[in-house]
Amino acid sequence: MKQKVTWYVKPLDSHTNKVIQRELNGAEQVKLKTNLEKPVLAYQVDHAFITRLNDSKYDLHLKYKVYKRQGKDSLANEFSFSFLNKKKKQNKL
């Protein structure tokens, strides 16, 4: 059975927080249990939102972390985009 994936984004500065809040129409942050010791405040978003955010990262000078949780009661892990860059480079060859 496939587990549901839930995505979260944590802004790392006030500018990024304002951009995210504007896009999410003033959504509230949720307390997220991670594999780290301290909980993280982040916005729950869908994958399409993260894709749009990542596409605008450099143009809008956004700073954020993305977390991914698989299943309902699991801990969230920080998501790294580095493996995606490797895939793109391999596809170009």
PDB file of N, CA and C in Angstrom:
ATOM      1  N   MET A   1       0.837  -1.184   0.000  1.00  0.00           N
ATOM      2  CA  MET A   1       0.000   0.000   0.000  1.00  0.00           C
ATOM      3  C   MET A   1       0.883   1.250   0.000  1.00  0.00           C
ATOM      4  N   LYS A   2       0.583   2.157  -0.871  1.00  0.00           N
ATOM      5  CA  LYS A   2       1.372   3.371  -1.002  1.00  0.00           C
ATOM      6  C   LYS A   2       1.026   4.361   0.119  1.00  0.00           C
ATOM      7  N   GLN A   3       2.063   4.911   0.751  1.00  0.00           N
ATOM      8  CA  GLN A   3       1.850   5.864   1.834  1.00  0.00           C
ATOM      9  C   GLN A   3       1.711   7.271   1.275  1.00  0.00           C
ATOM     10  N   LYS A   4       0.837   8.043   1.899  1.00  0.00           N
ATOM     11  CA  LYS A   4       0.628   9.425   1.472  1.00  0.00           C
ATOM     12  C   LYS A   4       1.841  10.271   1.851  1.00  0.00           C
ATOM     13  N   VAL A   5       2.266  11.110   0.922  1.00  0.00           N
ATOM     14  CA  VAL A   5       3.393  12.016   1.158  1.00  0.00           C
ATOM     15  C   VAL A   5       2.832  13.402   1.456  1.00  0.00           C
ATOM     16  N   THR A   6       3.317  13.996   2.546  1.00  0.00           N
ATOM     17  CA  THR A   6       2.924  15.349   2.923  1.00  0.00           C
ATOM     18  C   THR A   6       4.154  16.237   2.864  1.00  0.00           C
ATOM     19  N   TRP A   7       4.001  17.413   2.258  1.00  0.00           N
ATOM     20  CA  TRP A   7       5.113  18.339   2.061  1.00  0.00           C
ATOM     21  C   TRP A   7       4.958  19.559   2.959  1.00  0.00           C
ATOM     22  N   TYR A   8       6.085  20.075   3.437  1.00  0.00           N
ATOM     23  CA  TYR A   8       6.116  21.263   4.292  1.00  0.00           C
ATOM     24  C   TYR A   8       7.251  22.165   3.835  1.00  0.00           C
ATOM     25  N   VAL A   9       7.058  23.455   4.034  1.00  0.00           N
ATOM     26  CA  VAL A   9       8.121  24.401   3.719  1.00  0.00           C
ATOM     27  C   VAL A   9       8.297  25.338   4.913  1.00  0.00           C
ATOM     28  N   LYS A  10       9.561  25.530   5.299  1.00  0.00           N
ATOM     29  CA  LYS A  10       9.904  26.413   6.423  1.00  0.00           C
ATOM     30  C   LYS A  10      10.690  27.595   5.878  1.00  0.00           C
ATOM     31  N   PRO A  11      10.123  28.815   5.976  1.00  0.00           N
ATOM     32  CA  PRO A  11      10.877  29.993   5.528  1.00  0.00           C
ATOM     33  C   PRO A  11      12.038  30.273   6.486  1.00  0.00           C
ATOM     34  N   LEU A  12      13.153  30.715   5.924  1.00  0.00           N
ATOM     35  CA  LEU A  12      14.334  30.993   6.741  1.00  0.00           C
ATOM     36  C   LEU A  12      14.581  32.483   6.954  1.00  0.00           C
ATOM     37  N   ASP A  13      13.743  33.329   6.352  1.00  0.00           N
ATOM     38  CA  ASP A  13      13.838  34.770   6.600  1.00  0.00           C
ATOM     39  C   ASP A  13      12.452  35.391   6.440  1.00  0.00           C
ATOM     40  N   SER A  14      12.332  36.646   6.871  1.00  0.00           N
ATOM     41  CA  SER A  14      11.020  37.308   6.861  1.00  0.00           C
ATOM     42  C   SER A  14      10.509  37.562   5.445  1.00  0.00           C
ATOM     43  N   HIS A  15      11.404  37.862   4.507  1.00  0.00           N
ATOM     44  CA  HIS A  15      10.987  38.088   3.120  1.00  0.00           C
ATOM     45  C   HIS A  15      10.327  36.826   2.552  1.00  0.00           C
ATOM     46  N   THR A  16      10.974  35.691   2.738  1.00  0.00           N
ATOM     47  CA  THR A  16      10.429  34.427   2.250  1.00  0.00           C
ATOM     48  C   THR A  16       9.107  34.110   2.938  1.00  0.00           C
ATOM     49  N   ASN A  17       9.027  34.383   4.229  1.00  0.00           N
ATOM     50  CA  ASN A  17       7.784  34.149   4.967  1.00  0.00           C
ATOM     51  C   ASN A  17       6.639  34.977   4.378  1.00  0.00           C
ATOM     52  N   LYS A  18       6.905  36.240   4.065  1.00  0.00           N
ATOM     53  CA  LYS A  18       5.872  37.095   3.475  1.00  0.00           C
ATOM     54  C   LYS A  18       5.421  36.590   2.113  1.00  0.00           C
ATOM     55  N   VAL A  19       6.362  36.155   1.293  1.00  0.00           N
ATOM     56  CA  VAL A  19       6.033  35.627  -0.038  1.00  0.00           C
ATOM     57  C   VAL A  19       5.162  34.377   0.099  1.00  0.00           C
ATOM     58  N   ILE A  20       5.550  33.475   0.998  1.00  0.00           N
ATOM     59  CA  ILE A  20       4.790  32.237   1.183  1.00  0.00           C
ATOM     60  C   ILE A  20       3.399  32.528   1.726  1.00  0.00           C
ATOM     61  N   GLN A  21       3.310  33.407   2.729  1.00  0.00           N
ATOM     62  CA  GLN A  21       2.000  33.759   3.291  1.00  0.00           C
ATOM     63  C   GLN A  21       1.097  34.378   2.232  1.00  0.00           C
ATOM     64  N   ARG A  22       1.647  35.230   1.388  1.00  0.00           N
ATOM     65  CA  ARG A  22       0.854  35.858   0.333  1.00  0.00           C
ATOM     66  C   ARG A  22       0.332  34.803  -0.641  1.00  0.00           C
ATOM     67  N   GLU A  23       1.182  33.842  -1.002  1.00  0.00           N
ATOM     68  CA  GLU A  23       0.777  32.785  -1.935  1.00  0.00           C
ATOM     69  C   GLU A  23      -0.231  31.820  -1.317  1.00  0.00           C
ATOM     70  N   LEU A  24      -0.128  31.612  -0.012  1.00  0.00           N
ATOM     71  CA  LEU A  24      -1.023  30.674   0.681  1.00  0.00           C
ATOM     72  C   LEU A  24      -2.207  31.379   1.333  1.00  0.00           C
ATOM     73  N   ASN A  25      -2.407  32.645   1.011  1.00  0.00           N
ATOM     74  CA  ASN A  25      -3.532  33.431   1.555  1.00  0.00           C
ATOM     75  C   ASN A  25      -3.562  33.449   3.079  1.00  0.00           C
ATOM     76  N   GLY A  26      -2.402  33.693   3.695  1.00  0.00           N
ATOM     77  CA  GLY A  26      -2.330  33.862   5.145  1.00  0.00           C
ATOM     78  C   GLY A  26      -2.435  32.578   5.938  1.00  0.00           C
ATOM     79  N   ALA A  27      -2.036  31.461   5.374  1.00  0.00           N
ATOM     80  CA  ALA A  27      -2.099  30.173   6.083  1.00  0.00           C
ATOM     81  C   ALA A  27      -1.243  30.212   7.343  1.00  0.00           C
ATOM     82  N   GLU A  28      -1.609  29.392   8.308  1.00  0.00           N
ATOM     83  CA  GLU A  28      -0.886  29.306   9.569  1.00  0.00           C
ATOM     84  C   GLU A  28       0.165  28.195   9.502  1.00  0.00           C
ATOM     85  N   GLN A  29       1.254  28.402  10.224  1.00  0.00           N
ATOM     86  CA  GLN A  29       2.285  27.384  10.304  1.00  0.00           C
ATOM     87  C   GLN A  29       1.836  26.285  11.268  1.00  0.00           C
ATOM     88  N   VAL A  30       2.322  25.080  11.026  1.00  0.00           N
ATOM     89  CA  VAL A  30       2.030  23.949  11.900  1.00  0.00           C
ATOM     90  C   VAL A  30       3.319  23.477  12.548  1.00  0.00           C
ATOM     91  N   LYS A  31       3.183  22.876  13.731  1.00  0.00           N
ATOM     92  CA  LYS A  31       4.347  22.327  14.424  1.00  0.00           C
ATOM     93  C   LYS A  31       4.596  20.940  13.852  1.00  0.00           C
ATOM     94  N   LEU A  32       5.785  20.742  13.341  1.00  0.00           N
ATOM     95  CA  LEU A  32       6.135  19.536  12.613  1.00  0.00           C
ATOM     96  C   LEU A  32       7.162  18.735  13.397  1.00  0.00           C
ATOM     97  N   LYS A  33       6.884  17.467  13.633  1.00  0.00           N
ATOM     98  CA  LYS A  33       7.848  16.584  14.295  1.00  0.00           C
ATOM     99  C   LYS A  33       8.815  16.066  13.239  1.00  0.00           C
ATOM    100  N   THR A  34      10.090  16.297  13.495  1.00  0.00           N
ATOM    101  CA  THR A  34      11.117  15.872  12.541  1.00  0.00           C
ATOM    102  C   THR A  34      12.043  14.851  13.185  1.00  0.00           C
ATOM    103  N   ASN A  35      12.975  14.359  12.394  1.00  0.00           N
ATOM    104  CA  ASN A  35      13.972  13.435  12.919  1.00  0.00           C
ATOM    105  C   ASN A  35      14.999  14.158  13.785  1.00  0.00           C
ATOM    106  N   LEU A  36      14.920  15.481  13.847  1.00  0.00           N
ATOM    107  CA  LEU A  36      15.768  16.272  14.743  1.00  0.00           C
ATOM    108  C   LEU A  36      15.101  16.316  16.112  1.00  0.00           C
ATOM    109  N   GLU A  37      15.782  16.811  17.104  1.00  0.00           N
ATOM    110  CA  GLU A  37      15.222  16.821  18.457  1.00  0.00           C
ATOM    111  C   GLU A  37      14.125  17.861  18.644  1.00  0.00           C
ATOM    112  N   LYS A  38      14.255  19.017  17.995  1.00  0.00           N
ATOM    113  CA  LYS A  38      13.278  20.089  18.191  1.00  0.00           C
ATOM    114  C   LYS A  38      12.224  20.067  17.083  1.00  0.00           C
ATOM    115  N   PRO A  39      10.954  20.375  17.442  1.00  0.00           N
ATOM    116  CA  PRO A  39       9.931  20.505  16.401  1.00  0.00           C
ATOM    117  C   PRO A  39      10.190  21.749  15.543  1.00  0.00           C
ATOM    118  N   VAL A  40       9.661  21.746  14.337  1.00  0.00           N
ATOM    119  CA  VAL A  40       9.867  22.822  13.376  1.00  0.00           C
ATOM    120  C   VAL A  40       8.517  23.437  13.037  1.00  0.00           C
ATOM    121  N   LEU A  41       8.473  24.773  12.915  1.00  0.00           N
ATOM    122  CA  LEU A  41       7.272  25.447  12.427  1.00  0.00           C
ATOM    123  C   LEU A  41       7.384  25.585  10.922  1.00  0.00           C
ATOM    124  N   ALA A  42       6.380  25.065  10.212  1.00  0.00           N
ATOM    125  CA  ALA A  42       6.422  25.086   8.756  1.00  0.00           C
ATOM    126  C   ALA A  42       4.999  25.144   8.204  1.00  0.00           C
ATOM    127  N   TYR A  43       4.898  25.493   6.921  1.00  0.00           N
ATOM    128  CA  TYR A  43       3.607  25.520   6.233  1.00  0.00           C
ATOM    129  C   TYR A  43       3.399  24.195   5.515  1.00  0.00           C
ATOM    130  N   GLN A  44       2.214  23.631   5.642  1.00  0.00           N
ATOM    131  CA  GLN A  44       1.893  22.427   4.877  1.00  0.00           C
ATOM    132  C   GLN A  44       1.462  22.865   3.486  1.00  0.00           C
ATOM    133  N   VAL A  45       2.102  22.299   2.468  1.00  0.00           N
ATOM    134  CA  VAL A  45       1.855  22.688   1.079  1.00  0.00           C
ATOM    135  C   VAL A  45       1.776  21.439   0.213  1.00  0.00           C
ATOM    136  N   ASP A  46       1.398  21.630  -1.038  1.00  0.00           N
ATOM    137  CA  ASP A  46       1.411  20.503  -1.968  1.00  0.00           C
ATOM    138  C   ASP A  46       2.707  20.541  -2.788  1.00  0.00           C
ATOM    139  N   HIS A  47       2.950  19.474  -3.504  1.00  0.00           N
ATOM    140  CA  HIS A  47       4.189  19.357  -4.270  1.00  0.00           C
ATOM    141  C   HIS A  47       4.293  20.432  -5.356  1.00  0.00           C
ATOM    142  N   ALA A  48       3.178  20.787  -5.966  1.00  0.00           N
ATOM    143  CA  ALA A  48       3.182  21.815  -7.014  1.00  0.00           C
ATOM    144  C   ALA A  48       3.652  23.160  -6.458  1.00  0.00           C
ATOM    145  N   PHE A  49       3.275  23.482  -5.222  1.00  0.00           N
ATOM    146  CA  PHE A  49       3.705  24.737  -4.600  1.00  0.00           C
ATOM    147  C   PHE A  49       5.218  24.746  -4.422  1.00  0.00           C
ATOM    148  N   ILE A  50       5.775  23.626  -3.988  1.00  0.00           N
ATOM    149  CA  ILE A  50       7.223  23.545  -3.802  1.00  0.00           C
ATOM    150  C   ILE A  50       7.942  23.691  -5.134  1.00  0.00           C
ATOM    151  N   THR A  51       7.387  23.113  -6.179  1.00  0.00           N
ATOM    152  CA  THR A  51       7.981  23.239  -7.510  1.00  0.00           C
ATOM    153  C   THR A  51       7.998  24.704  -7.946  1.00  0.00           C
ATOM    154  N   ARG A  52       6.883  25.408  -7.760  1.00  0.00           N
ATOM    155  CA  ARG A  52       6.823  26.836  -8.116  1.00  0.00           C
ATOM    156  C   ARG A  52       7.796  27.653  -7.271  1.00  0.00           C
ATOM    157  N   LEU A  53       7.864  27.334  -5.979  1.00  0.00           N
ATOM    158  CA  LEU A  53       8.770  28.042  -5.076  1.00  0.00           C
ATOM    159  C   LEU A  53      10.221  27.825  -5.502  1.00  0.00           C
ATOM    160  N   ASN A  54      10.560  26.608  -5.834  1.00  0.00           N
ATOM    161  CA  ASN A  54      11.926  26.288  -6.250  1.00  0.00           C
ATOM    162  C   ASN A  54      12.279  26.966  -7.573  1.00  0.00           C
ATOM    163  N   ASP A  55      11.311  27.065  -8.487  1.00  0.00           N
ATOM    164  CA  ASP A  55      11.550  27.746  -9.762  1.00  0.00           C
ATOM    165  C   ASP A  55      11.808  29.242  -9.573  1.00  0.00           C
ATOM    166  N   SER A  56      11.231  29.839  -8.516  1.00  0.00           N
ATOM    167  CA  SER A  56      11.367  31.279  -8.256  1.00  0.00           C
ATOM    168  C   SER A  56      12.437  31.599  -7.221  1.00  0.00           C
ATOM    169  N   LYS A  57      13.120  30.593  -6.737  1.00  0.00           N
ATOM    170  CA  LYS A  57      14.057  30.763  -5.622  1.00  0.00           C
ATOM    171  C   LYS A  57      15.085  31.865  -5.865  1.00  0.00           C
ATOM    172  N   TYR A  58      15.725  31.859  -7.013  1.00  0.00           N
ATOM    173  CA  TYR A  58      16.792  32.827  -7.265  1.00  0.00           C
ATOM    174  C   TYR A  58      16.258  34.177  -7.711  1.00  0.00           C
ATOM    175  N   ASP A  59      15.201  34.190  -8.494  1.00  0.00           N
ATOM    176  CA  ASP A  59      14.613  35.456  -8.947  1.00  0.00           C
ATOM    177  C   ASP A  59      14.070  36.281  -7.785  1.00  0.00           C
ATOM    178  N   LEU A  60      13.429  35.609  -6.818  1.00  0.00           N
ATOM    179  CA  LEU A  60      12.815  36.311  -5.689  1.00  0.00           C
ATOM    180  C   LEU A  60      13.669  36.300  -4.433  1.00  0.00           C
ATOM    181  N   HIS A  61      14.860  35.711  -4.501  1.00  0.00           N
ATOM    182  CA  HIS A  61      15.791  35.645  -3.364  1.00  0.00           C
ATOM    183  C   HIS A  61      15.135  34.971  -2.158  1.00  0.00           C
ATOM    184  N   LEU A  62      14.615  33.763  -2.379  1.00  0.00           N
ATOM    185  CA  LEU A  62      13.914  33.030  -1.333  1.00  0.00           C
ATOM    186  C   LEU A  62      14.863  32.079  -0.617  1.00  0.00           C
ATOM    187  N   LYS A  63      14.661  31.993   0.695  1.00  0.00           N
ATOM    188  CA  LYS A  63      15.454  31.086   1.523  1.00  0.00           C
ATOM    189  C   LYS A  63      14.479  30.242   2.338  1.00  0.00           C
ATOM    190  N   TYR A  64      14.564  28.926   2.174  1.00  0.00           N
ATOM    191  CA  TYR A  64      13.623  28.038   2.852  1.00  0.00           C
ATOM    192  C   TYR A  64      14.190  26.624   2.915  1.00  0.00           C
ATOM    193  N   LYS A  65      13.556  25.809   3.740  1.00  0.00           N
ATOM    194  CA  LYS A  65      13.848  24.382   3.812  1.00  0.00           C
ATOM    195  C   LYS A  65      12.556  23.640   3.512  1.00  0.00           C
ATOM    196  N   VAL A  66      12.687  22.498   2.875  1.00  0.00           N
ATOM    197  CA  VAL A  66      11.540  21.672   2.537  1.00  0.00           C
ATOM    198  C   VAL A  66      11.626  20.383   3.352  1.00  0.00           C
ATOM    199  N   TYR A  67      10.481  19.969   3.887  1.00  0.00           N
ATOM    200  CA  TYR A  67      10.392  18.727   4.643  1.00  0.00           C
ATOM    201  C   TYR A  67       9.356  17.826   3.989  1.00  0.00           C
ATOM    202  N   LYS A  68       9.608  16.529   4.096  1.00  0.00           N
ATOM    203  CA  LYS A  68       8.727  15.525   3.486  1.00  0.00           C
ATOM    204  C   LYS A  68       8.393  14.472   4.544  1.00  0.00           C
ATOM    205  N   ARG A  69       7.098  14.159   4.636  1.00  0.00           N
ATOM    206  CA  ARG A  69       6.668  13.129   5.590  1.00  0.00           C
ATOM    207  C   ARG A  69       5.889  12.061   4.831  1.00  0.00           C
ATOM    208  N   GLN A  70       6.257  10.812   5.013  1.00  0.00           N
ATOM    209  CA  GLN A  70       5.551   9.705   4.376  1.00  0.00           C
ATOM    210  C   GLN A  70       4.750   8.973   5.432  1.00  0.00           C
ATOM    211  N   GLY A  71       3.450   8.901   5.227  1.00  0.00           N
ATOM    212  CA  GLY A  71       2.577   8.261   6.191  1.00  0.00           C
ATOM    213  C   GLY A  71       2.030   9.264   7.180  1.00  0.00           C
ATOM    214  N   LYS A  72       1.052   8.845   7.946  1.00  0.00           N
ATOM    215  CA  LYS A  72       0.351   9.757   8.849  1.00  0.00           C
ATOM    216  C   LYS A  72       1.135  10.074  10.122  1.00  0.00           C
ATOM    217  N   ASP A  73       1.727   9.077  10.724  1.00  0.00           N
ATOM    218  CA  ASP A  73       2.358   9.272  12.033  1.00  0.00           C
ATOM    219  C   ASP A  73       3.885   9.254  12.003  1.00  0.00           C
ATOM    220  N   SER A  74       4.473   9.319  10.837  1.00  0.00           N
ATOM    221  CA  SER A  74       5.930   9.274  10.742  1.00  0.00           C
ATOM    222  C   SER A  74       6.551  10.648  10.989  1.00  0.00           C
ATOM    223  N   LEU A  75       7.842  10.651  11.197  1.00  0.00           N
ATOM    224  CA  LEU A  75       8.586  11.896  11.365  1.00  0.00           C
ATOM    225  C   LEU A  75       8.926  12.462   9.990  1.00  0.00           C
ATOM    226  N   ALA A  76       9.007  13.768   9.917  1.00  0.00           N
ATOM    227  CA  ALA A  76       9.364  14.427   8.661  1.00  0.00           C
ATOM    228  C   ALA A  76      10.886  14.513   8.547  1.00  0.00           C
ATOM    229  N   ASN A  77      11.361  14.415   7.327  1.00  0.00           N
ATOM    230  CA  ASN A  77      12.790  14.546   7.045  1.00  0.00           C
ATOM    231  C   ASN A  77      13.009  15.715   6.112  1.00  0.00           C
ATOM    232  N   GLU A  78      14.135  16.386   6.290  1.00  0.00           N
ATOM    233  CA  GLU A  78      14.463  17.482   5.380  1.00  0.00           C
ATOM    234  C   GLU A  78      14.687  16.911   3.983  1.00  0.00           C
ATOM    235  N   PHE A  79      14.100  17.572   2.986  1.00  0.00           N
ATOM    236  CA  PHE A  79      14.195  17.128   1.606  1.00  0.00           C
ATOM    237  C   PHE A  79      15.316  17.888   0.923  1.00  0.00           C
ATOM    238  N   SER A  80      16.160  17.157   0.210  1.00  0.00           N
ATOM    239  CA  SER A  80      17.279  17.768  -0.496  1.00  0.00           C
ATOM    240  C   SER A  80      17.027  17.727  -1.997  1.00  0.00           C
ATOM    241  N   PHE A  81      17.255  18.842  -2.648  1.00  0.00           N
ATOM    242  CA  PHE A  81      17.090  18.934  -4.090  1.00  0.00           C
ATOM    243  C   PHE A  81      18.356  18.510  -4.827  1.00  0.00           C
ATOM    244  N   SER A  82      19.412  18.184  -4.115  1.00  0.00           N
ATOM    245  CA  SER A  82      20.697  17.892  -4.754  1.00  0.00           C
ATOM    246  C   SER A  82      20.624  16.673  -5.668  1.00  0.00           C
ATOM    247  N   PHE A  83      19.864  15.650  -5.301  1.00  0.00           N
ATOM    248  CA  PHE A  83      19.790  14.482  -6.169  1.00  0.00           C
ATOM    249  C   PHE A  83      19.033  14.782  -7.452  1.00  0.00           C
ATOM    250  N   LEU A  84      18.138  15.766  -7.430  1.00  0.00           N
ATOM    251  CA  LEU A  84      17.431  16.160  -8.653  1.00  0.00           C
ATOM    252  C   LEU A  84      18.395  16.787  -9.648  1.00  0.00           C
ATOM    253  N   ASN A  85      19.333  17.578  -9.161  1.00  0.00           N
ATOM    254  CA  ASN A  85      20.335  18.188 -10.041  1.00  0.00           C
ATOM    255  C   ASN A  85      21.180  17.113 -10.706  1.00  0.00           C
ATOM    256  N   LYS A  86      21.515  16.048  -9.967  1.00  0.00           N
ATOM    257  CA  LYS A  86      22.302  14.960 -10.530  1.00  0.00           C
ATOM    258  C   LYS A  86      21.509  14.262 -11.631  1.00  0.00           C
ATOM    259  N   LYS A  87      20.205  14.069 -11.421  1.00  0.00           N
ATOM    260  CA  LYS A  87      19.364  13.424 -12.430  1.00  0.00           C
ATOM    261  C   LYS A  87      19.307  14.259 -13.699  1.00  0.00           C
ATOM    262  N   LYS A  88      19.172  15.582 -13.549  1.00  0.00           N
ATOM    263  CA  LYS A  88      19.107  16.458 -14.712  1.00  0.00           C
ATOM    264  C   LYS A  88      20.405  16.395 -15.515  1.00  0.00           C
ATOM    265  N   LYS A  89      21.550  16.374 -14.801  1.00  0.00           N
ATOM    266  CA  LYS A  89      22.845  16.320 -15.481  1.00  0.00           C
ATOM    267  C   LYS A  89      22.994  14.997 -16.230  1.00  0.00           C
ATOM    268  N   GLN A  90      22.530  13.908 -15.627  1.00  0.00           N
ATOM    269  CA  GLN A  90      22.633  12.606 -16.283  1.00  0.00           C
ATOM    270  C   GLN A  90      21.745  12.541 -17.515  1.00  0.00           C
ATOM    271  N   ASN A  91      20.570  13.146 -17.453  1.00  0.00           N
ATOM    272  CA  ASN A  91      19.655  13.148 -18.595  1.00  0.00           C
ATOM    273  C   ASN A  91      20.201  13.946 -19.771  1.00  0.00           C
ATOM    274  N   LYS A  92      21.008  14.964 -19.497  1.00  0.00           N
ATOM    275  CA  LYS A  92      21.579  15.782 -20.560  1.00  0.00           C
ATOM    276  C   LYS A  92      22.671  15.060 -21.338  1.00  0.00           C
ATOM    277  N   LEU A  93      23.313  14.096 -20.681  1.00  0.00           N
ATOM    278  CA  LEU A  93      24.420  13.359 -21.328  1.00  0.00           C
ATOM    279  C   LEU A  93      23.942  12.471 -22.396  1.00  0.00           C
TER     280      LEU A  93
END
